[in-house]
């Protein structure tokens, strides 16, 4: 991340933390039945009407799968620790390591598998439709 981007990211995190809503916090922090957990870090309006950015710490437990799901907007994620297999419908599987990132377009079904014995940690930024669930399970 360049120096010019660090203040912007910090501003987004700070503004988002102040703008937390009860329902978004409950949804992002709710216990997960899969091996995926999301902890909401911040949320803020973006320049696109009807959309907001949601920033979350995401963890995939050892030997677990996130579960096939979609988002009502784009997911932009950075792998901060570990290695994860990303499965996006219509694309070949990709193995991502710490220091790498990925983007999943709105509405595209995807899953993440952690075949290792340690937790995979990611920072996820979701630019999503306001009022929609952050993630929806997919068949």
Protein backbone atom coordinates (compact mmCIF):
# COMPACT_ATOMS: atom_id res chain seq x y z
CA UNK A 1 0.00 0.00 0.00
CA UNK A 2 1.50 3.34 -0.96
CA UNK A 3 1.74 6.21 1.50
CA UNK A 4 -1.03 8.12 -0.27
CA UNK A 5 -3.41 5.18 0.21
CA UNK A 6 -2.71 4.65 3.92
CA UNK A 7 -4.45 7.90 5.07
CA UNK A 8 -7.47 7.13 2.86
CA UNK A 9 -7.75 3.59 4.25
CA UNK A 10 -7.34 4.87 7.83
CA UNK A 11 -10.05 7.49 7.22
CA UNK A 12 -12.41 4.84 5.86
CA UNK A 13 -11.78 2.61 8.88
CA UNK A 14 -12.27 5.48 11.32
CA UNK A 15 -15.41 6.78 9.66
CA UNK A 16 -16.77 3.28 9.29
CA UNK A 17 -16.21 2.46 12.93
CA UNK A 18 -18.25 5.52 13.93
CA UNK A 19 -21.04 4.56 11.52
CA UNK A 20 -21.65 1.01 12.75
CA UNK A 21 -25.29 -0.04 12.74
CA UNK A 22 -26.70 -2.61 15.14
CA UNK A 23 -28.03 -4.94 12.44
CA UNK A 24 -24.81 -4.93 10.40
CA UNK A 25 -22.75 -5.54 13.53
CA UNK A 26 -24.98 -8.43 14.60
CA UNK A 27 -24.86 -9.99 11.15
CA UNK A 28 -21.10 -9.66 10.68
CA UNK A 29 -20.30 -10.82 14.21
CA UNK A 30 -22.86 -13.63 14.43
CA UNK A 31 -21.53 -17.15 15.02
CA UNK A 32 -21.01 -19.01 11.77
CA UNK A 33 -21.97 -22.62 11.13
CA UNK A 34 -19.21 -22.96 8.53
CA UNK A 35 -15.51 -22.49 9.20
CA UNK A 36 -15.79 -18.79 8.29
CA UNK A 37 -16.06 -15.90 10.73
CA UNK A 38 -16.34 -12.19 9.93
CA UNK A 39 -15.73 -9.43 12.45
CA UNK A 40 -16.93 -6.02 11.32
CA UNK A 41 -14.21 -3.39 11.53
CA UNK A 42 -16.01 -0.48 9.92
CA UNK A 43 -18.72 0.72 7.58
CA UNK A 44 -19.16 3.97 5.64
CA UNK A 45 -21.05 5.42 2.72
CA UNK A 46 -19.24 5.53 -0.63
CA UNK A 47 -19.65 7.90 -3.57
CA UNK A 48 -22.02 5.51 -5.36
CA UNK A 49 -25.64 6.17 -4.27
CA UNK A 50 -27.25 3.29 -2.41
CA UNK A 51 -23.92 1.59 -1.66
CA UNK A 52 -21.63 1.35 1.34
CA UNK A 53 -18.19 -0.06 2.09
CA UNK A 54 -17.99 -2.68 4.81
CA UNK A 55 -14.55 -3.62 6.15
CA UNK A 56 -14.20 -6.93 8.01
CA UNK A 57 -11.58 -9.22 9.49
CA UNK A 58 -12.28 -12.64 7.99
CA UNK A 59 -10.97 -15.96 9.28
CA UNK A 60 -11.26 -19.45 7.81
CA UNK A 61 -10.59 -22.15 10.39
CA UNK A 62 -8.03 -24.91 9.76
CA UNK A 63 -9.42 -27.65 7.52
CA UNK A 64 -12.64 -25.66 6.90
CA UNK A 65 -14.59 -24.15 4.06
CA UNK A 66 -16.27 -20.77 4.05
CA UNK A 67 -19.27 -22.27 2.25
CA UNK A 68 -20.60 -21.28 -1.16
CA UNK A 69 -22.05 -17.78 -0.99
CA UNK A 70 -22.56 -14.46 -2.78
CA UNK A 71 -22.40 -10.77 -1.83
CA UNK A 72 -24.71 -7.92 -2.96
CA UNK A 73 -21.65 -6.06 -4.25
CA UNK A 74 -17.97 -6.50 -4.96
CA UNK A 75 -15.63 -8.20 -2.50
CA UNK A 76 -12.03 -7.00 -2.43
CA UNK A 77 -9.91 -9.09 -0.04
CA UNK A 78 -6.28 -9.28 1.09
CA UNK A 79 -4.79 -12.46 2.57
CA UNK A 80 -2.86 -11.32 5.66
CA UNK A 81 -1.93 -14.76 7.07
CA UNK A 82 -1.92 -18.29 5.69
CA UNK A 83 -2.92 -19.80 2.39
CA UNK A 84 -6.43 -20.33 0.99
CA UNK A 85 -7.92 -22.02 -2.06
CA UNK A 86 -10.41 -19.66 -3.73
CA UNK A 87 -13.15 -21.27 -5.79
CA UNK A 88 -15.11 -18.84 -7.97
CA UNK A 89 -17.83 -20.21 -10.23
CA UNK A 90 -16.72 -20.09 -13.88
CA UNK A 91 -13.02 -19.74 -12.99
CA UNK A 92 -10.26 -22.26 -12.28
CA UNK A 93 -9.42 -22.68 -8.56
CA UNK A 94 -6.69 -20.34 -7.27
CA UNK A 95 -4.38 -20.77 -4.31
CA UNK A 96 -3.65 -17.46 -2.62
CA UNK A 97 -0.91 -16.85 -0.05
CA UNK A 98 -0.30 -14.12 2.52
CA UNK A 99 0.37 -10.85 0.72
CA UNK A 100 -1.94 -11.60 -2.22
CA UNK A 101 -5.39 -10.21 -2.95
CA UNK A 102 -8.47 -11.03 -4.98
CA UNK A 103 -11.72 -9.50 -6.22
CA UNK A 104 -15.06 -11.31 -6.54
CA UNK A 105 -17.73 -9.41 -8.51
CA UNK A 106 -21.21 -8.83 -7.09
CA UNK A 107 -23.52 -11.85 -7.15
CA UNK A 108 -20.84 -14.36 -8.18
CA UNK A 109 -20.91 -17.62 -6.22
CA UNK A 110 -17.60 -18.40 -4.50
CA UNK A 111 -16.07 -20.39 -1.67
CA UNK A 112 -12.77 -20.52 0.21
CA UNK A 113 -11.09 -23.69 1.47
CA UNK A 114 -8.39 -23.78 4.11
CA UNK A 115 -6.59 -27.12 3.72
CA UNK A 116 -3.89 -26.18 6.23
CA UNK A 117 -3.62 -26.69 9.99
CA UNK A 118 -3.59 -22.96 10.81
CA UNK A 119 -6.24 -20.25 10.53
CA UNK A 120 -6.29 -18.17 7.34
CA UNK A 121 -6.79 -14.46 8.00
CA UNK A 122 -8.03 -11.94 5.47
CA UNK A 123 -9.13 -8.32 5.39
CA UNK A 124 -12.29 -8.04 3.31
CA UNK A 125 -13.73 -4.84 1.87
CA UNK A 126 -17.24 -5.20 0.50
CA UNK A 127 -18.80 -2.42 -1.58
CA UNK A 128 -22.42 -3.50 -1.29
CA UNK A 129 -26.02 -2.40 -1.59
CA UNK A 130 -27.27 -0.77 1.59
CA UNK A 131 -29.86 -2.74 3.50
CA UNK A 132 -28.90 -6.09 1.98
CA UNK A 133 -27.34 -8.98 3.92
CA UNK A 134 -23.56 -8.92 3.61
CA UNK A 135 -23.51 -12.54 2.39
CA UNK A 136 -26.12 -15.00 1.20
CA UNK A 137 -25.58 -18.79 1.12
CA UNK A 138 -25.60 -20.34 -2.36
CA UNK A 139 -26.43 -23.89 -3.41
